[in-house]
């Protein structure tokens, strides 16, 4: 059984037991929460597609980690002008573990 959920402006295909990184969600490690925006649920041969979301479907998850990803360097440069700027950025993320996919 798998589902497609929407989180942080992106869509993820998830199965029970998957660990994935999503945009930062407020909460502590060990907290559980529910995704209500389930776009698709597949259970064997049965496929349920939402319009836009599947009614009475949810995905339960647990927060595994709150951290920042690797640093990305942003370097601006204009040739022959002596202009150069360096800036770094670390995007925060939340690692979650999918617990169960619930359909009614």
PDB file of N, CA and C in Angstrom:
ATOM      1  N   UNK A   1       0.850  -1.177   0.000  1.00  0.00           N
ATOM      2  CA  UNK A   1       0.000   0.000   0.000  1.00  0.00           C
ATOM      3  C   UNK A   1       0.891   1.234   0.000  1.00  0.00           C
ATOM      4  N   UNK A   2       0.563   2.194  -0.857  1.00  0.00           N
ATOM      5  CA  UNK A   2       1.287   3.450  -0.868  1.00  0.00           C
ATOM      6  C   UNK A   2       0.321   4.603  -1.077  1.00  0.00           C
ATOM      7  N   UNK A   3       0.830   5.807  -0.815  1.00  0.00           N
ATOM      8  CA  UNK A   3       0.006   7.001  -0.971  1.00  0.00           C
ATOM      9  C   UNK A   3       0.879   8.132  -1.494  1.00  0.00           C
ATOM     10  N   UNK A   4       0.249   9.123  -2.074  1.00  0.00           N
ATOM     11  CA  UNK A   4       0.930  10.344  -2.498  1.00  0.00           C
ATOM     12  C   UNK A   4       0.381  11.471  -1.631  1.00  0.00           C
ATOM     13  N   UNK A   5       1.289  12.159  -0.918  1.00  0.00           N
ATOM     14  CA  UNK A   5       0.873  13.233  -0.022  1.00  0.00           C
ATOM     15  C   UNK A   5       1.475  14.547  -0.491  1.00  0.00           C
ATOM     16  N   UNK A   6       0.863  15.639  -0.064  1.00  0.00           N
ATOM     17  CA  UNK A   6       1.377  16.978  -0.350  1.00  0.00           C
ATOM     18  C   UNK A   6       1.870  17.571   0.961  1.00  0.00           C
ATOM     19  N   UNK A   7       3.140  18.027   0.956  1.00  0.00           N
ATOM     20  CA  UNK A   7       3.726  18.627   2.158  1.00  0.00           C
ATOM     21  C   UNK A   7       4.749  19.665   1.727  1.00  0.00           C
ATOM     22  N   UNK A   8       4.605  20.868   2.217  1.00  0.00           N
ATOM     23  CA  UNK A   8       5.577  21.911   1.919  1.00  0.00           C
ATOM     24  C   UNK A   8       5.634  22.303   0.458  1.00  0.00           C
ATOM     25  N   UNK A   9       4.510  22.213  -0.250  1.00  0.00           N
ATOM     26  CA  UNK A   9       4.479  22.602  -1.656  1.00  0.00           C
ATOM     27  C   UNK A   9       5.011  21.532  -2.596  1.00  0.00           C
ATOM     28  N   UNK A  10       5.335  20.362  -2.080  1.00  0.00           N
ATOM     29  CA  UNK A  10       5.851  19.270  -2.895  1.00  0.00           C
ATOM     30  C   UNK A  10       4.983  18.033  -2.684  1.00  0.00           C
ATOM     31  N   UNK A  11       5.124  17.059  -3.582  1.00  0.00           N
ATOM     32  CA  UNK A  11       4.371  15.815  -3.470  1.00  0.00           C
ATOM     33  C   UNK A  11       5.349  14.666  -3.263  1.00  0.00           C
ATOM     34  N   UNK A  12       4.976  13.742  -2.382  1.00  0.00           N
ATOM     35  CA  UNK A  12       5.832  12.615  -2.042  1.00  0.00           C
ATOM     36  C   UNK A  12       5.045  11.323  -2.134  1.00  0.00           C
ATOM     37  N   UNK A  13       5.669  10.294  -2.707  1.00  0.00           N
ATOM     38  CA  UNK A  13       5.093   8.952  -2.706  1.00  0.00           C
ATOM     39  C   UNK A  13       5.645   8.248  -1.472  1.00  0.00           C
ATOM     40  N   UNK A  14       4.760   7.795  -0.584  1.00  0.00           N
ATOM     41  CA  UNK A  14       5.186   7.215   0.684  1.00  0.00           C
ATOM     42  C   UNK A  14       4.571   5.839   0.889  1.00  0.00           C
ATOM     43  N   UNK A  15       5.317   4.990   1.582  1.00  0.00           N
ATOM     44  CA  UNK A  15       4.834   3.691   2.025  1.00  0.00           C
ATOM     45  C   UNK A  15       5.083   3.600   3.518  1.00  0.00           C
ATOM     46  N   UNK A  16       4.453   2.651   4.171  1.00  0.00           N
ATOM     47  CA  UNK A  16       4.642   2.483   5.608  1.00  0.00           C
ATOM     48  C   UNK A  16       6.095   2.119   5.893  1.00  0.00           C
ATOM     49  N   UNK A  17       6.691   2.818   6.871  1.00  0.00           N
ATOM     50  CA  UNK A  17       8.075   2.562   7.239  1.00  0.00           C
ATOM     51  C   UNK A  17       9.091   3.424   6.519  1.00  0.00           C
ATOM     52  N   UNK A  18       8.673   4.206   5.518  1.00  0.00           N
ATOM     53  CA  UNK A  18       9.604   5.083   4.796  1.00  0.00           C
ATOM     54  C   UNK A  18      10.088   6.215   5.692  1.00  0.00           C
ATOM     55  N   UNK A  19      11.338   6.618   5.496  1.00  0.00           N
ATOM     56  CA  UNK A  19      11.896   7.792   6.165  1.00  0.00           C
ATOM     57  C   UNK A  19      12.252   8.787   5.074  1.00  0.00           C
ATOM     58  N   UNK A  20      11.716  10.005   5.158  1.00  0.00           N
ATOM     59  CA  UNK A  20      11.998  10.999   4.137  1.00  0.00           C
ATOM     60  C   UNK A  20      12.152  12.367   4.747  1.00  0.00           C
ATOM     61  N   UNK A  21      12.811  13.245   3.987  1.00  0.00           N
ATOM     62  CA  UNK A  21      13.033  14.629   4.409  1.00  0.00           C
ATOM     63  C   UNK A  21      12.006  15.525   3.732  1.00  0.00           C
ATOM     64  N   UNK A  22      11.325  16.331   4.533  1.00  0.00           N
ATOM     65  CA  UNK A  22      10.356  17.282   4.003  1.00  0.00           C
ATOM     66  C   UNK A  22      10.728  18.673   4.499  1.00  0.00           C
ATOM     67  N   UNK A  23      10.017  19.674   4.007  1.00  0.00           N
ATOM     68  CA  UNK A  23      10.220  21.032   4.502  1.00  0.00           C
ATOM     69  C   UNK A  23       9.957  21.065   6.002  1.00  0.00           C
ATOM     70  N   UNK A  24      10.585  21.999   6.681  1.00  0.00           N
ATOM     71  CA  UNK A  24      10.521  22.037   8.144  1.00  0.00           C
ATOM     72  C   UNK A  24       9.081  22.096   8.648  1.00  0.00           C
ATOM     73  N   UNK A  25       8.799  21.232   9.634  1.00  0.00           N
ATOM     74  CA  UNK A  25       7.512  21.166  10.315  1.00  0.00           C
ATOM     75  C   UNK A  25       7.768  21.465  11.786  1.00  0.00           C
ATOM     76  N   UNK A  26       6.931  22.279  12.391  1.00  0.00           N
ATOM     77  CA  UNK A  26       7.103  22.614  13.798  1.00  0.00           C
ATOM     78  C   UNK A  26       6.787  21.395  14.656  1.00  0.00           C
ATOM     79  N   UNK A  27       7.711  21.057  15.544  1.00  0.00           N
ATOM     80  CA  UNK A  27       7.521  19.918  16.429  1.00  0.00           C
ATOM     81  C   UNK A  27       8.854  19.413  16.939  1.00  0.00           C
ATOM     82  N   UNK A  28       8.798  18.552  17.935  1.00  0.00           N
ATOM     83  CA  UNK A  28      10.002  17.973  18.520  1.00  0.00           C
ATOM     84  C   UNK A  28      10.189  16.546  18.029  1.00  0.00           C
ATOM     85  N   UNK A  29      11.402  16.033  18.198  1.00  0.00           N
ATOM     86  CA  UNK A  29      11.687  14.650  17.817  1.00  0.00           C
ATOM     87  C   UNK A  29      10.810  13.719  18.662  1.00  0.00           C
ATOM     88  N   UNK A  30      10.148  12.792  17.999  1.00  0.00           N
ATOM     89  CA  UNK A  30       9.257  11.869  18.680  1.00  0.00           C
ATOM     90  C   UNK A  30       7.791  12.248  18.568  1.00  0.00           C
ATOM     91  N   UNK A  31       7.505  13.498  18.216  1.00  0.00           N
ATOM     92  CA  UNK A  31       6.111  13.917  18.045  1.00  0.00           C
ATOM     93  C   UNK A  31       5.500  13.237  16.820  1.00  0.00           C
ATOM     94  N   UNK A  32       4.195  13.017  16.866  1.00  0.00           N
ATOM     95  CA  UNK A  32       3.481  12.450  15.729  1.00  0.00           C
ATOM     96  C   UNK A  32       2.526  13.499  15.168  1.00  0.00           C
ATOM     97  N   UNK A  33       2.278  13.411  13.890  1.00  0.00           N
ATOM     98  CA  UNK A  33       1.305  14.301  13.260  1.00  0.00           C
ATOM     99  C   UNK A  33       0.693  13.590  12.072  1.00  0.00           C
ATOM    100  N   UNK A  34      -0.325  14.208  11.497  1.00  0.00           N
ATOM    101  CA  UNK A  34      -1.105  13.582  10.435  1.00  0.00           C
ATOM    102  C   UNK A  34      -1.105  14.462   9.194  1.00  0.00           C
ATOM    103  N   UNK A  35      -0.879  13.840   8.047  1.00  0.00           N
ATOM    104  CA  UNK A  35      -1.023  14.523   6.760  1.00  0.00           C
ATOM    105  C   UNK A  35      -2.450  14.318   6.284  1.00  0.00           C
ATOM    106  N   UNK A  36      -3.169  15.415   6.085  1.00  0.00           N
ATOM    107  CA  UNK A  36      -4.551  15.329   5.622  1.00  0.00           C
ATOM    108  C   UNK A  36      -4.663  15.463   4.106  1.00  0.00           C
ATOM    109  N   UNK A  37      -3.645  16.053   3.473  1.00  0.00           N
ATOM    110  CA  UNK A  37      -3.669  16.230   2.019  1.00  0.00           C
ATOM    111  C   UNK A  37      -3.121  14.974   1.349  1.00  0.00           C
ATOM    112  N   UNK A  38      -3.971  13.965   1.235  1.00  0.00           N
ATOM    113  CA  UNK A  38      -3.603  12.724   0.563  1.00  0.00           C
ATOM    114  C   UNK A  38      -4.193  12.792  -0.842  1.00  0.00           C
ATOM    115  N   UNK A  39      -3.338  12.773  -1.856  1.00  0.00           N
ATOM    116  CA  UNK A  39      -3.781  12.954  -3.235  1.00  0.00           C
ATOM    117  C   UNK A  39      -4.139  11.636  -3.918  1.00  0.00           C
ATOM    118  N   UNK A  40      -3.525  10.535  -3.461  1.00  0.00           N
ATOM    119  CA  UNK A  40      -3.747   9.249  -4.096  1.00  0.00           C
ATOM    120  C   UNK A  40      -3.472   8.141  -3.079  1.00  0.00           C
ATOM    121  N   UNK A  41      -4.271   7.080  -3.134  1.00  0.00           N
ATOM    122  CA  UNK A  41      -4.044   5.907  -2.285  1.00  0.00           C
ATOM    123  C   UNK A  41      -4.149   4.668  -3.171  1.00  0.00           C
ATOM    124  N   UNK A  42      -3.111   3.824  -3.115  1.00  0.00           N
ATOM    125  CA  UNK A  42      -3.102   2.576  -3.885  1.00  0.00           C
ATOM    126  C   UNK A  42      -2.983   1.417  -2.911  1.00  0.00           C
ATOM    127  N   UNK A  43      -3.948   0.489  -2.993  1.00  0.00           N
ATOM    128  CA  UNK A  43      -3.948  -0.686  -2.128  1.00  0.00           C
ATOM    129  C   UNK A  43      -4.086  -1.914  -3.015  1.00  0.00           C
ATOM    130  N   UNK A  44      -2.962  -2.493  -3.413  1.00  0.00           N
ATOM    131  CA  UNK A  44      -2.989  -3.633  -4.333  1.00  0.00           C
ATOM    132  C   UNK A  44      -3.485  -3.194  -5.696  1.00  0.00           C
ATOM    133  N   UNK A  45      -4.601  -3.753  -6.134  1.00  0.00           N
ATOM    134  CA  UNK A  45      -5.185  -3.390  -7.429  1.00  0.00           C
ATOM    135  C   UNK A  45      -6.071  -2.150  -7.337  1.00  0.00           C
ATOM    136  N   UNK A  46      -6.543  -1.832  -6.132  1.00  0.00           N
ATOM    137  CA  UNK A  46      -7.455  -0.690  -5.954  1.00  0.00           C
ATOM    138  C   UNK A  46      -6.662   0.618  -5.938  1.00  0.00           C
ATOM    139  N   UNK A  47      -7.087   1.557  -6.755  1.00  0.00           N
ATOM    140  CA  UNK A  47      -6.433   2.858  -6.853  1.00  0.00           C
ATOM    141  C   UNK A  47      -7.478   3.939  -6.647  1.00  0.00           C
ATOM    142  N   UNK A  48      -7.271   4.792  -5.644  1.00  0.00           N
ATOM    143  CA  UNK A  48      -8.203   5.882  -5.356  1.00  0.00           C
ATOM    144  C   UNK A  48      -7.488   7.201  -5.605  1.00  0.00           C
ATOM    145  N   UNK A  49      -8.023   7.989  -6.531  1.00  0.00           N
ATOM    146  CA  UNK A  49      -7.438   9.276  -6.883  1.00  0.00           C
ATOM    147  C   UNK A  49      -8.350  10.373  -6.373  1.00  0.00           C
ATOM    148  N   UNK A  50      -7.775  11.356  -5.684  1.00  0.00           N
ATOM    149  CA  UNK A  50      -8.565  12.436  -5.118  1.00  0.00           C
ATOM    150  C   UNK A  50      -8.878  13.523  -6.119  1.00  0.00           C
ATOM    151  N   UNK A  51      -9.905  14.308  -5.794  1.00  0.00           N
ATOM    152  CA  UNK A  51     -10.313  15.440  -6.634  1.00  0.00           C
ATOM    153  C   UNK A  51     -10.514  16.664  -5.762  1.00  0.00           C
ATOM    154  N   UNK A  52      -9.544  17.346  -5.279  1.00  0.00           N
ATOM    155  CA  UNK A  52      -8.095  17.140  -5.400  1.00  0.00           C
ATOM    156  C   UNK A  52      -7.521  16.219  -4.333  1.00  0.00           C
ATOM    157  N   UNK A  53      -8.242  15.995  -3.207  1.00  0.00           N
ATOM    158  CA  UNK A  53      -7.717  15.109  -2.166  1.00  0.00           C
ATOM    159  C   UNK A  53      -8.679  13.945  -1.960  1.00  0.00           C
ATOM    160  N   UNK A  54      -8.157  12.837  -1.432  1.00  0.00           N
ATOM    161  CA  UNK A  54      -8.975  11.664  -1.142  1.00  0.00           C
ATOM    162  C   UNK A  54      -9.728  11.921   0.165  1.00  0.00           C
ATOM    163  N   UNK A  55     -11.034  11.729   0.128  1.00  0.00           N
ATOM    164  CA  UNK A  55     -11.861  11.953   1.315  1.00  0.00           C
ATOM    165  C   UNK A  55     -11.561  10.894   2.381  1.00  0.00           C
ATOM    166  N   UNK A  56     -11.535  11.323   3.642  1.00  0.00           N
ATOM    167  CA  UNK A  56     -11.354  10.440   4.801  1.00  0.00           C
ATOM    168  C   UNK A  56     -10.073   9.614   4.742  1.00  0.00           C
ATOM    169  N   UNK A  57      -9.041  10.131   4.110  1.00  0.00           N
ATOM    170  CA  UNK A  57      -7.752   9.440   4.068  1.00  0.00           C
ATOM    171  C   UNK A  57      -6.715  10.312   4.768  1.00  0.00           C
ATOM    172  N   UNK A  58      -5.796   9.662   5.474  1.00  0.00           N
ATOM    173  CA  UNK A  58      -4.731  10.398   6.153  1.00  0.00           C
ATOM    174  C   UNK A  58      -3.510   9.503   6.276  1.00  0.00           C
ATOM    175  N   UNK A  59      -2.377  10.147   6.493  1.00  0.00           N
ATOM    176  CA  UNK A  59      -1.123   9.443   6.676  1.00  0.00           C
ATOM    177  C   UNK A  59      -0.532   9.901   7.999  1.00  0.00           C
ATOM    178  N   UNK A  60      -0.250   8.961   8.893  1.00  0.00           N
ATOM    179  CA  UNK A  60       0.342   9.276  10.187  1.00  0.00           C
ATOM    180  C   UNK A  60       1.851   9.148  10.098  1.00  0.00           C
ATOM    181  N   UNK A  61       2.557  10.101  10.713  1.00  0.00           N
ATOM    182  CA  UNK A  61       4.020  10.106  10.659  1.00  0.00           C
ATOM    183  C   UNK A  61       4.583  10.533  12.005  1.00  0.00           C
ATOM    184  N   UNK A  62       5.850  10.193  12.211  1.00  0.00           N
ATOM    185  CA  UNK A  62       6.555  10.554  13.437  1.00  0.00           C
ATOM    186  C   UNK A  62       7.832  11.295  13.061  1.00  0.00           C
ATOM    187  N   UNK A  63       8.135  12.364  13.808  1.00  0.00           N
ATOM    188  CA  UNK A  63       9.339  13.145  13.546  1.00  0.00           C
ATOM    189  C   UNK A  63      10.542  12.377  14.066  1.00  0.00           C
ATOM    190  N   UNK A  64      11.524  12.167  13.176  1.00  0.00           N
ATOM    191  CA  UNK A  64      12.737  11.441  13.521  1.00  0.00           C
ATOM    192  C   UNK A  64      13.886  12.411  13.786  1.00  0.00           C
ATOM    193  N   UNK A  65      13.924  13.525  13.027  1.00  0.00           N
ATOM    194  CA  UNK A  65      15.069  14.436  13.120  1.00  0.00           C
ATOM    195  C   UNK A  65      14.659  15.831  12.676  1.00  0.00           C
ATOM    196  N   UNK A  66      15.201  16.846  13.361  1.00  0.00           N
ATOM    197  CA  UNK A  66      15.074  18.253  12.953  1.00  0.00           C
ATOM    198  C   UNK A  66      16.496  18.755  12.735  1.00  0.00           C
ATOM    199  N   UNK A  67      16.838  19.163  11.521  1.00  0.00           N
ATOM    200  CA  UNK A  67      18.216  19.546  11.235  1.00  0.00           C
ATOM    201  C   UNK A  67      18.260  20.499  10.050  1.00  0.00           C
ATOM    202  N   UNK A  68      19.474  20.861   9.652  1.00  0.00           N
ATOM    203  CA  UNK A  68      19.692  21.667   8.458  1.00  0.00           C
ATOM    204  C   UNK A  68      20.494  20.838   7.458  1.00  0.00           C
ATOM    205  N   UNK A  69      20.230  21.065   6.163  1.00  0.00           N
ATOM    206  CA  UNK A  69      20.954  20.329   5.139  1.00  0.00           C
ATOM    207  C   UNK A  69      22.342  20.939   4.939  1.00  0.00           C
ATOM    208  N   UNK A  70      23.120  20.362   4.029  1.00  0.00           N
ATOM    209  CA  UNK A  70      24.471  20.852   3.768  1.00  0.00           C
ATOM    210  C   UNK A  70      24.424  22.286   3.254  1.00  0.00           C
ATOM    211  N   UNK A  71      25.511  23.008   3.481  1.00  0.00           N
ATOM    212  CA  UNK A  71      25.582  24.402   3.069  1.00  0.00           C
ATOM    213  C   UNK A  71      25.685  24.514   1.546  1.00  0.00           C
ATOM    214  N   UNK A  72      24.924  25.434   1.009  1.00  0.00           N
ATOM    215  CA  UNK A  72      24.974  25.759  -0.411  1.00  0.00           C
ATOM    216  C   UNK A  72      25.599  27.143  -0.529  1.00  0.00           C
ATOM    217  N   UNK A  73      26.627  27.271  -1.356  1.00  0.00           N
ATOM    218  CA  UNK A  73      27.277  28.565  -1.555  1.00  0.00           C
ATOM    219  C   UNK A  73      26.636  29.275  -2.739  1.00  0.00           C
ATOM    220  N   UNK A  74      26.279  30.533  -2.516  1.00  0.00           N
ATOM    221  CA  UNK A  74      25.724  31.382  -3.564  1.00  0.00           C
ATOM    222  C   UNK A  74      26.792  32.413  -3.884  1.00  0.00           C
ATOM    223  N   UNK A  75      27.328  32.368  -5.108  1.00  0.00           N
ATOM    224  CA  UNK A  75      28.433  33.246  -5.483  1.00  0.00           C
ATOM    225  C   UNK A  75      27.998  34.107  -6.655  1.00  0.00           C
ATOM    226  N   UNK A  76      28.031  35.425  -6.453  1.00  0.00           N
ATOM    227  CA  UNK A  76      27.690  36.374  -7.512  1.00  0.00           C
ATOM    228  C   UNK A  76      28.980  37.006  -8.000  1.00  0.00           C
ATOM    229  N   UNK A  77      29.095  37.210  -9.317  1.00  0.00           N
ATOM    230  CA  UNK A  77      30.338  37.700  -9.899  1.00  0.00           C
ATOM    231  C   UNK A  77      30.027  38.461 -11.175  1.00  0.00           C
ATOM    232  N   UNK A  78      30.634  39.617 -11.332  1.00  0.00           N
ATOM    233  CA  UNK A  78      30.532  40.366 -12.584  1.00  0.00           C
ATOM    234  C   UNK A  78      31.951  40.592 -13.093  1.00  0.00           C
ATOM    235  N   UNK A  79      32.192  40.125 -14.267  1.00  0.00           N
ATOM    236  CA  UNK A  79      33.554  40.190 -14.793  1.00  0.00           C
ATOM    237  C   UNK A  79      33.997  41.625 -15.052  1.00  0.00           C
ATOM    238  N   UNK A  80      35.270  41.858 -14.840  1.00  0.00           N
ATOM    239  CA  UNK A  80      35.955  43.144 -15.085  1.00  0.00           C
ATOM    240  C   UNK A  80      35.447  44.293 -14.218  1.00  0.00           C
ATOM    241  N   UNK A  81      34.618  44.042 -13.247  1.00  0.00           N
ATOM    242  CA  UNK A  81      34.077  45.118 -12.418  1.00  0.00           C
ATOM    243  C   UNK A  81      34.555  45.031 -10.974  1.00  0.00           C
ATOM    244  N   UNK A  82      35.209  43.951 -10.600  1.00  0.00           N
ATOM    245  CA  UNK A  82      35.660  43.777  -9.228  1.00  0.00           C
ATOM    246  C   UNK A  82      34.530  43.468  -8.272  1.00  0.00           C
ATOM    247  N   UNK A  83      33.414  42.989  -8.813  1.00  0.00           N
ATOM    248  CA  UNK A  83      32.244  42.696  -7.981  1.00  0.00           C
ATOM    249  C   UNK A  83      32.167  41.203  -7.734  1.00  0.00           C
ATOM    250  N   UNK A  84      32.215  40.818  -6.486  1.00  0.00           N
ATOM    251  CA  UNK A  84      32.014  39.413  -6.107  1.00  0.00           C
ATOM    252  C   UNK A  84      31.418  39.348  -4.719  1.00  0.00           C
ATOM    253  N   UNK A  85      30.407  38.511  -4.566  1.00  0.00           N
ATOM    254  CA  UNK A  85      29.730  38.350  -3.292  1.00  0.00           C
ATOM    255  C   UNK A  85      29.545  36.857  -3.036  1.00  0.00           C
ATOM    256  N   UNK A  86      29.831  36.430  -1.842  1.00  0.00           N
ATOM    257  CA  UNK A  86      29.631  35.040  -1.455  1.00  0.00           C
ATOM    258  C   UNK A  86      28.651  35.000  -0.291  1.00  0.00           C
ATOM    259  N   UNK A  87      27.693  34.111  -0.397  1.00  0.00           N
ATOM    260  CA  UNK A  87      26.706  33.956   0.650  1.00  0.00           C
ATOM    261  C   UNK A  87      26.402  32.471   0.796  1.00  0.00           C
ATOM    262  N   UNK A  88      26.214  32.016   2.024  1.00  0.00           N
ATOM    263  CA  UNK A  88      25.890  30.611   2.268  1.00  0.00           C
ATOM    264  C   UNK A  88      24.457  30.471   2.747  1.00  0.00           C
ATOM    265  N   UNK A  89      23.906  29.276   2.554  1.00  0.00           N
ATOM    266  CA  UNK A  89      22.530  29.016   2.980  1.00  0.00           C
ATOM    267  C   UNK A  89      22.413  27.558   3.388  1.00  0.00           C
ATOM    268  N   UNK A  90      21.754  27.298   4.511  1.00  0.00           N
ATOM    269  CA  UNK A  90      21.452  25.936   4.961  1.00  0.00           C
ATOM    270  C   UNK A  90      19.948  25.829   5.155  1.00  0.00           C
ATOM    271  N   UNK A  91      19.304  25.009   4.341  1.00  0.00           N
ATOM    272  CA  UNK A  91      17.859  24.863   4.389  1.00  0.00           C
ATOM    273  C   UNK A  91      17.460  23.932   5.532  1.00  0.00           C
ATOM    274  N   UNK A  92      16.582  24.368   6.432  1.00  0.00           N
ATOM    275  CA  UNK A  92      16.125  23.459   7.492  1.00  0.00           C
ATOM    276  C   UNK A  92      15.170  22.402   6.930  1.00  0.00           C
ATOM    277  N   UNK A  93      15.219  21.218   7.514  1.00  0.00           N
ATOM    278  CA  UNK A  93      14.337  20.140   7.087  1.00  0.00           C
ATOM    279  C   UNK A  93      13.891  19.330   8.297  1.00  0.00           C
ATOM    280  N   UNK A  94      12.881  18.521   8.081  1.00  0.00           N
ATOM    281  CA  UNK A  94      12.386  17.595   9.094  1.00  0.00           C
ATOM    282  C   UNK A  94      12.403  16.200   8.477  1.00  0.00           C
ATOM    283  N   UNK A  95      13.057  15.270   9.151  1.00  0.00           N
ATOM    284  CA  UNK A  95      13.028  13.877   8.713  1.00  0.00           C
ATOM    285  C   UNK A  95      11.884  13.181   9.432  1.00  0.00           C
ATOM    286  N   UNK A  96      11.029  12.517   8.658  1.00  0.00           N
ATOM    287  CA  UNK A  96       9.874  11.849   9.245  1.00  0.00           C
ATOM    288  C   UNK A  96       9.856  10.372   8.865  1.00  0.00           C
ATOM    289  N   UNK A  97       9.215   9.567   9.708  1.00  0.00           N
ATOM    290  CA  UNK A  97       9.018   8.146   9.421  1.00  0.00           C
ATOM    291  C   UNK A  97       7.525   7.905   9.310  1.00  0.00           C
ATOM    292  N   UNK A  98       7.111   7.329   8.192  1.00  0.00           N
ATOM    293  CA  UNK A  98       5.694   7.094   7.937  1.00  0.00           C
ATOM    294  C   UNK A  98       5.230   5.911   8.787  1.00  0.00           C
ATOM    295  N   UNK A  99       4.174   6.142   9.569  1.00  0.00           N
ATOM    296  CA  UNK A  99       3.660   5.098  10.451  1.00  0.00           C
ATOM    297  C   UNK A  99       2.585   4.270   9.786  1.00  0.00           C
ATOM    298  N   UNK A 100       1.483   4.907   9.395  1.00  0.00           N
ATOM    299  CA  UNK A 100       0.371   4.156   8.802  1.00  0.00           C
ATOM    300  C   UNK A 100      -0.378   5.017   7.807  1.00  0.00           C
ATOM    301  N   UNK A 101      -0.986   4.342   6.856  1.00  0.00           N
ATOM    302  CA  UNK A 101      -1.837   5.000   5.860  1.00  0.00           C
ATOM    303  C   UNK A 101      -3.267   4.581   6.175  1.00  0.00           C
ATOM    304  N   UNK A 102      -4.102   5.545   6.503  1.00  0.00           N
ATOM    305  CA  UNK A 102      -5.464   5.261   6.968  1.00  0.00           C
ATOM    306  C   UNK A 102      -6.463   5.692   5.891  1.00  0.00           C
ATOM    307  N   UNK A 103      -7.339   4.763   5.507  1.00  0.00           N
ATOM    308  CA  UNK A 103      -8.449   5.087   4.604  1.00  0.00           C
ATOM    309  C   UNK A 103      -9.734   4.607   5.251  1.00  0.00           C
ATOM    310  N   UNK A 104     -10.799   5.331   4.999  1.00  0.00           N
ATOM    311  CA  UNK A 104     -12.072   4.953   5.631  1.00  0.00           C
ATOM    312  C   UNK A 104     -13.068   4.480   4.601  1.00  0.00           C
TER     313      UNK A 104
END
